[in-house]
Structure formats: structure tokens, C-alpha cells
Amino acid sequence: MDWKFSPLQVLTGEVQYSIVDYRKDLKEEVLTTLANFNMDEYSTNFYVDYIYTLFYWLATNQTVLTYSRFIAERLPDDLELKKTLTSTEFLYSLELDNVNFVDMMRAILTTLTLGFLKDGLSIEDARNALKNTVGFSREV
């Protein structure tokens, strides 16, 4: 995805770009990528969530290896693609191909967190507010 603005512009407040906007753009990108696979809505939503979670994970300075372990514990063993989806080689390729998405996620998360702190929330309350805004946190 090529935005007409940079993560730095989001971080400085020059451009308003929310986590909702980000998720919408990410979903469009994933759907475009998966268009030739003729997947049902449930399957495409799974992949959007998988990628969103990966990019969040990387944007919060966690490693591909820890994501692989995290997701392996949560995917059913009988899932046909489990081996691929937890492969560090596959995850590293996603990371390398999507640095822009990870950087943008990092800028959004930082902007949200700073906004919560500026509003007077404690660090713990800011973390909870971020979790509620983003939809989850990387607690393992």
C-alpha cells in the first residue's frame, strides 16, 4: 500500500489516520492479494485478522519467532495451513514485504498512546484504552 502521507506525518499529527482507517486499508490490500483464491468471507476475515495481528506484533517490537509461537498455540492442529502460517520463513517474508504497513501501525499506536497519556490517563489506563481501541493486546 502506498499512502500519500508518511508514518511521520501521522505521528506528528499533520495527517489524521486512525486505526479504523488502517484496518480498512489493510483489509482492501489483503482482499486484493487473495482475490484469485475465491475464499468465503469467513476465510478472508481470518487472513485479515492474522495479518493485522502480525503487523501489530511487529509494530510493538516483538519478533517473528515469538509471533510464530503465539499463533501456533492458538491455531487448531487440524488447520491445513498451520505449518505455513507459523513458518518463520513465511512470516519473515511477510515482514519484509510489508515494512510500510508495520511502520504505519507503529505510528498509529504511538499516536494513540501519547494521546491517552496527554489526556491524563495513567500508563496502565492508557494501555487498557489502547487495547480497547485496537481490539486486543499482545499479552501472552
C-alpha atoms as a PDB file:
ATOM      1  CA  MET A   1       0.000   0.000   0.000  1.00  0.00           C
ATOM      2  CA  ASP A   2       1.293   3.397  -0.892  1.00  0.00           C
ATOM      3  CA  TRP A   3      -0.194   6.176   1.163  1.00  0.00           C
ATOM      4  CA  LYS A   4       0.047   9.805   0.115  1.00  0.00           C
ATOM      5  CA  PHE A   5       1.464  10.538   3.562  1.00  0.00           C
ATOM      6  CA  SER A   6       4.108   9.064   5.808  1.00  0.00           C
ATOM      7  CA  PRO A   7       4.065   7.488   9.251  1.00  0.00           C
ATOM      8  CA  LEU A   8       5.942  10.565  10.469  1.00  0.00           C
ATOM      9  CA  GLN A   9       3.082  12.791   9.299  1.00  0.00           C
ATOM     10  CA  VAL A  10       0.659  10.617  11.266  1.00  0.00           C
ATOM     11  CA  LEU A  11       2.931  10.693  14.309  1.00  0.00           C
ATOM     12  CA  THR A  12       3.265  14.479  14.261  1.00  0.00           C
ATOM     13  CA  GLY A  13      -0.461  14.972  13.726  1.00  0.00           C
ATOM     14  CA  GLU A  14      -0.026  16.572  10.313  1.00  0.00           C
ATOM     15  CA  VAL A  15      -2.274  13.835   8.914  1.00  0.00           C
ATOM     16  CA  GLN A  16      -5.178  12.194  10.732  1.00  0.00           C
ATOM     17  CA  TYR A  17      -5.181   8.464  10.073  1.00  0.00           C
ATOM     18  CA  SER A  18      -6.951   6.216  12.550  1.00  0.00           C
ATOM     19  CA  ILE A  19      -6.637   2.553  13.389  1.00  0.00           C
ATOM     20  CA  VAL A  20     -10.066   2.116  11.755  1.00  0.00           C
ATOM     21  CA  ASP A  21      -8.745   3.680   8.525  1.00  0.00           C
ATOM     22  CA  TYR A  22      -5.658   1.497   8.730  1.00  0.00           C
ATOM     23  CA  ARG A  23      -7.638  -1.692   9.216  1.00  0.00           C
ATOM     24  CA  LYS A  24      -9.904  -0.782   6.289  1.00  0.00           C
ATOM     25  CA  ASP A  25      -6.899  -0.187   4.019  1.00  0.00           C
ATOM     26  CA  LEU A  26      -5.236  -3.382   5.221  1.00  0.00           C
ATOM     27  CA  LYS A  27      -8.401  -5.364   4.539  1.00  0.00           C
ATOM     28  CA  GLU A  28      -8.585  -3.997   0.992  1.00  0.00           C
ATOM     29  CA  GLU A  29      -4.941  -4.912   0.437  1.00  0.00           C
ATOM     30  CA  VAL A  30      -5.406  -8.460   1.767  1.00  0.00           C
ATOM     31  CA  LEU A  31      -8.597  -8.961  -0.250  1.00  0.00           C
ATOM     32  CA  THR A  32      -6.809  -7.828  -3.397  1.00  0.00           C
ATOM     33  CA  THR A  33      -3.971 -10.248  -2.686  1.00  0.00           C
ATOM     34  CA  LEU A  34      -6.353 -13.145  -2.034  1.00  0.00           C
ATOM     35  CA  ALA A  35      -8.824 -12.346  -4.835  1.00  0.00           C
ATOM     36  CA  ASN A  36      -7.712 -15.247  -7.031  1.00  0.00           C
ATOM     37  CA  PHE A  37      -8.289 -17.812  -4.285  1.00  0.00           C
ATOM     38  CA  ASN A  38     -12.098 -17.434  -4.262  1.00  0.00           C
ATOM     39  CA  MET A  39     -12.340 -17.640  -0.480  1.00  0.00           C
ATOM     40  CA  ASP A  40     -15.504 -17.190   1.509  1.00  0.00           C
ATOM     41  CA  GLU A  41     -15.946 -14.203   3.817  1.00  0.00           C
ATOM     42  CA  TYR A  42     -15.045 -16.190   6.940  1.00  0.00           C
ATOM     43  CA  SER A  43     -11.708 -17.262   5.433  1.00  0.00           C
ATOM     44  CA  THR A  44     -10.783 -13.814   4.155  1.00  0.00           C
ATOM     45  CA  ASN A  45     -11.648 -12.276   7.532  1.00  0.00           C
ATOM     46  CA  PHE A  46      -9.387 -14.866   9.171  1.00  0.00           C
ATOM     47  CA  TYR A  47      -6.472 -13.787   6.971  1.00  0.00           C
ATOM     48  CA  VAL A  48      -7.146 -10.095   7.577  1.00  0.00           C
ATOM     49  CA  ASP A  49      -7.084 -10.742  11.343  1.00  0.00           C
ATOM     50  CA  TYR A  50      -3.949 -12.883  11.022  1.00  0.00           C
ATOM     51  CA  ILE A  51      -2.080 -10.144   9.124  1.00  0.00           C
ATOM     52  CA  TYR A  52      -3.420  -7.357  11.369  1.00  0.00           C
ATOM     53  CA  THR A  53      -2.223  -9.246  14.428  1.00  0.00           C
ATOM     54  CA  LEU A  54       1.187  -9.899  12.850  1.00  0.00           C
ATOM     55  CA  PHE A  55       1.667  -6.242  11.958  1.00  0.00           C
ATOM     56  CA  TYR A  56       0.591  -5.187  15.453  1.00  0.00           C
ATOM     57  CA  TRP A  57       3.027  -7.712  16.893  1.00  0.00           C
ATOM     58  CA  LEU A  58       5.907  -6.378  14.800  1.00  0.00           C
ATOM     59  CA  ALA A  59       4.953  -2.741  15.399  1.00  0.00           C
ATOM     60  CA  THR A  60       5.225  -3.355  19.139  1.00  0.00           C
ATOM     61  CA  ASN A  61       8.787  -4.617  18.686  1.00  0.00           C
ATOM     62  CA  GLN A  62       8.089  -8.308  19.076  1.00  0.00           C
ATOM     63  CA  THR A  63       9.853 -10.845  16.907  1.00  0.00           C
ATOM     64  CA  VAL A  64       8.619 -13.114  14.165  1.00  0.00           C
ATOM     65  CA  LEU A  65       9.724 -16.074  16.260  1.00  0.00           C
ATOM     66  CA  THR A  66       7.533 -15.080  19.215  1.00  0.00           C
ATOM     67  CA  TYR A  67       4.603 -14.439  16.856  1.00  0.00           C
ATOM     68  CA  SER A  68       5.089 -17.879  15.343  1.00  0.00           C
ATOM     69  CA  ARG A  69       4.900 -19.431  18.806  1.00  0.00           C
ATOM     70  CA  PHE A  70       1.968 -17.224  19.822  1.00  0.00           C
ATOM     71  CA  ILE A  71      -0.103 -18.087  16.759  1.00  0.00           C
ATOM     72  CA  ALA A  72       0.858 -21.785  16.831  1.00  0.00           C
ATOM     73  CA  GLU A  73      -0.682 -22.074  20.293  1.00  0.00           C
ATOM     74  CA  ARG A  74      -3.922 -20.567  19.042  1.00  0.00           C
ATOM     75  CA  LEU A  75      -4.443 -22.246  15.680  1.00  0.00           C
ATOM     76  CA  PRO A  76      -6.148 -25.637  15.689  1.00  0.00           C
ATOM     77  CA  ASP A  77      -3.804 -28.527  14.974  1.00  0.00           C
ATOM     78  CA  ASP A  78      -6.060 -29.781  12.199  1.00  0.00           C
ATOM     79  CA  LEU A  79      -5.857 -26.481  10.288  1.00  0.00           C
ATOM     80  CA  GLU A  80      -4.444 -27.418   6.911  1.00  0.00           C
ATOM     81  CA  LEU A  81      -2.253 -24.311   6.639  1.00  0.00           C
ATOM     82  CA  LYS A  82      -0.988 -24.248  10.233  1.00  0.00           C
ATOM     83  CA  LYS A  83       2.554 -25.228   9.257  1.00  0.00           C
ATOM     84  CA  THR A  84       2.738 -22.447   6.660  1.00  0.00           C
ATOM     85  CA  LEU A  85       1.101 -19.799   8.847  1.00  0.00           C
ATOM     86  CA  THR A  86       3.546 -20.486  11.678  1.00  0.00           C
ATOM     87  CA  SER A  87       6.634 -20.855   9.498  1.00  0.00           C
ATOM     88  CA  THR A  88       9.232 -18.243  10.432  1.00  0.00           C
ATOM     89  CA  GLU A  89      10.377 -18.169   6.808  1.00  0.00           C
ATOM     90  CA  PHE A  90       6.856 -17.254   5.683  1.00  0.00           C
ATOM     91  CA  LEU A  91       6.474 -14.690   8.478  1.00  0.00           C
ATOM     92  CA  TYR A  92       9.842 -13.072   7.692  1.00  0.00           C
ATOM     93  CA  SER A  93       8.796 -12.727   4.057  1.00  0.00           C
ATOM     94  CA  LEU A  94       5.555 -11.030   5.152  1.00  0.00           C
ATOM     95  CA  GLU A  95       7.551  -8.702   7.389  1.00  0.00           C
ATOM     96  CA  LEU A  96       9.996  -7.768   4.631  1.00  0.00           C
ATOM     97  CA  ASP A  97       7.249  -7.242   2.066  1.00  0.00           C
ATOM     98  CA  ASN A  98       5.167  -5.067   4.393  1.00  0.00           C
ATOM     99  CA  VAL A  99       7.550  -2.771   6.241  1.00  0.00           C
ATOM    100  CA  ASN A 100       5.339   0.177   5.297  1.00  0.00           C
ATOM    101  CA  PHE A 101       2.291  -1.378   6.983  1.00  0.00           C
ATOM    102  CA  VAL A 102       4.265  -2.164  10.129  1.00  0.00           C
ATOM    103  CA  ASP A 103       5.735   1.358  10.268  1.00  0.00           C
ATOM    104  CA  MET A 104       2.294   2.895   9.814  1.00  0.00           C
ATOM    105  CA  MET A 105       0.849   0.691  12.553  1.00  0.00           C
ATOM    106  CA  ARG A 106       3.709   1.757  14.848  1.00  0.00           C
ATOM    107  CA  ALA A 107       2.969   5.435  14.163  1.00  0.00           C
ATOM    108  CA  ILE A 108      -0.749   4.949  14.869  1.00  0.00           C
ATOM    109  CA  LEU A 109      -0.116   3.034  18.098  1.00  0.00           C
ATOM    110  CA  THR A 110       2.341   5.656  19.291  1.00  0.00           C
ATOM    111  CA  THR A 111      -0.050   8.488  18.440  1.00  0.00           C
ATOM    112  CA  LEU A 112      -2.898   6.759  20.257  1.00  0.00           C
ATOM    113  CA  THR A 113      -0.789   6.051  23.332  1.00  0.00           C
ATOM    114  CA  LEU A 114       0.563   9.597  23.517  1.00  0.00           C
ATOM    115  CA  GLY A 115      -2.973  10.940  23.142  1.00  0.00           C
ATOM    116  CA  PHE A 116      -4.205   8.815  26.033  1.00  0.00           C
ATOM    117  CA  LEU A 117      -1.317   9.942  28.227  1.00  0.00           C
ATOM    118  CA  LYS A 118      -1.839  13.568  27.227  1.00  0.00           C
ATOM    119  CA  ASP A 119      -5.490  13.197  28.259  1.00  0.00           C
ATOM    120  CA  GLY A 120      -4.252  12.343  31.740  1.00  0.00           C
ATOM    121  CA  LEU A 121      -4.584   8.568  31.738  1.00  0.00           C
ATOM    122  CA  SER A 122      -2.091   6.570  33.766  1.00  0.00           C
ATOM    123  CA  ILE A 123       0.205   4.241  31.860  1.00  0.00           C
ATOM    124  CA  GLU A 124      -1.942   1.258  32.863  1.00  0.00           C
ATOM    125  CA  ASP A 125      -5.162   3.031  31.844  1.00  0.00           C
ATOM    126  CA  ALA A 126      -3.534   4.129  28.572  1.00  0.00           C
ATOM    127  CA  ARG A 127      -2.581   0.518  27.895  1.00  0.00           C
ATOM    128  CA  ASN A 128      -6.165  -0.604  28.526  1.00  0.00           C
ATOM    129  CA  ALA A 129      -7.520   2.189  26.331  1.00  0.00           C
ATOM    130  CA  LEU A 130      -5.131   1.155  23.564  1.00  0.00           C
ATOM    131  CA  LYS A 131      -6.217  -2.467  23.936  1.00  0.00           C
ATOM    132  CA  ASN A 132      -9.873  -1.431  23.627  1.00  0.00           C
ATOM    133  CA  THR A 133      -9.164   0.772  20.609  1.00  0.00           C
ATOM    134  CA  VAL A 134      -7.020  -1.739  18.760  1.00  0.00           C
ATOM    135  CA  GLY A 135      -9.116  -4.753  19.698  1.00  0.00           C
ATOM    136  CA  PHE A 136      -6.519  -6.785  21.586  1.00  0.00           C
ATOM    137  CA  SER A 137      -3.065  -6.639  23.104  1.00  0.00           C
ATOM    138  CA  ARG A 138      -0.074  -8.904  22.844  1.00  0.00           C
ATOM    139  CA  GLU A 139      -0.361 -10.371  26.307  1.00  0.00           C
ATOM    140  CA  VAL A 140       0.927 -13.912  26.199  1.00  0.00           C
END
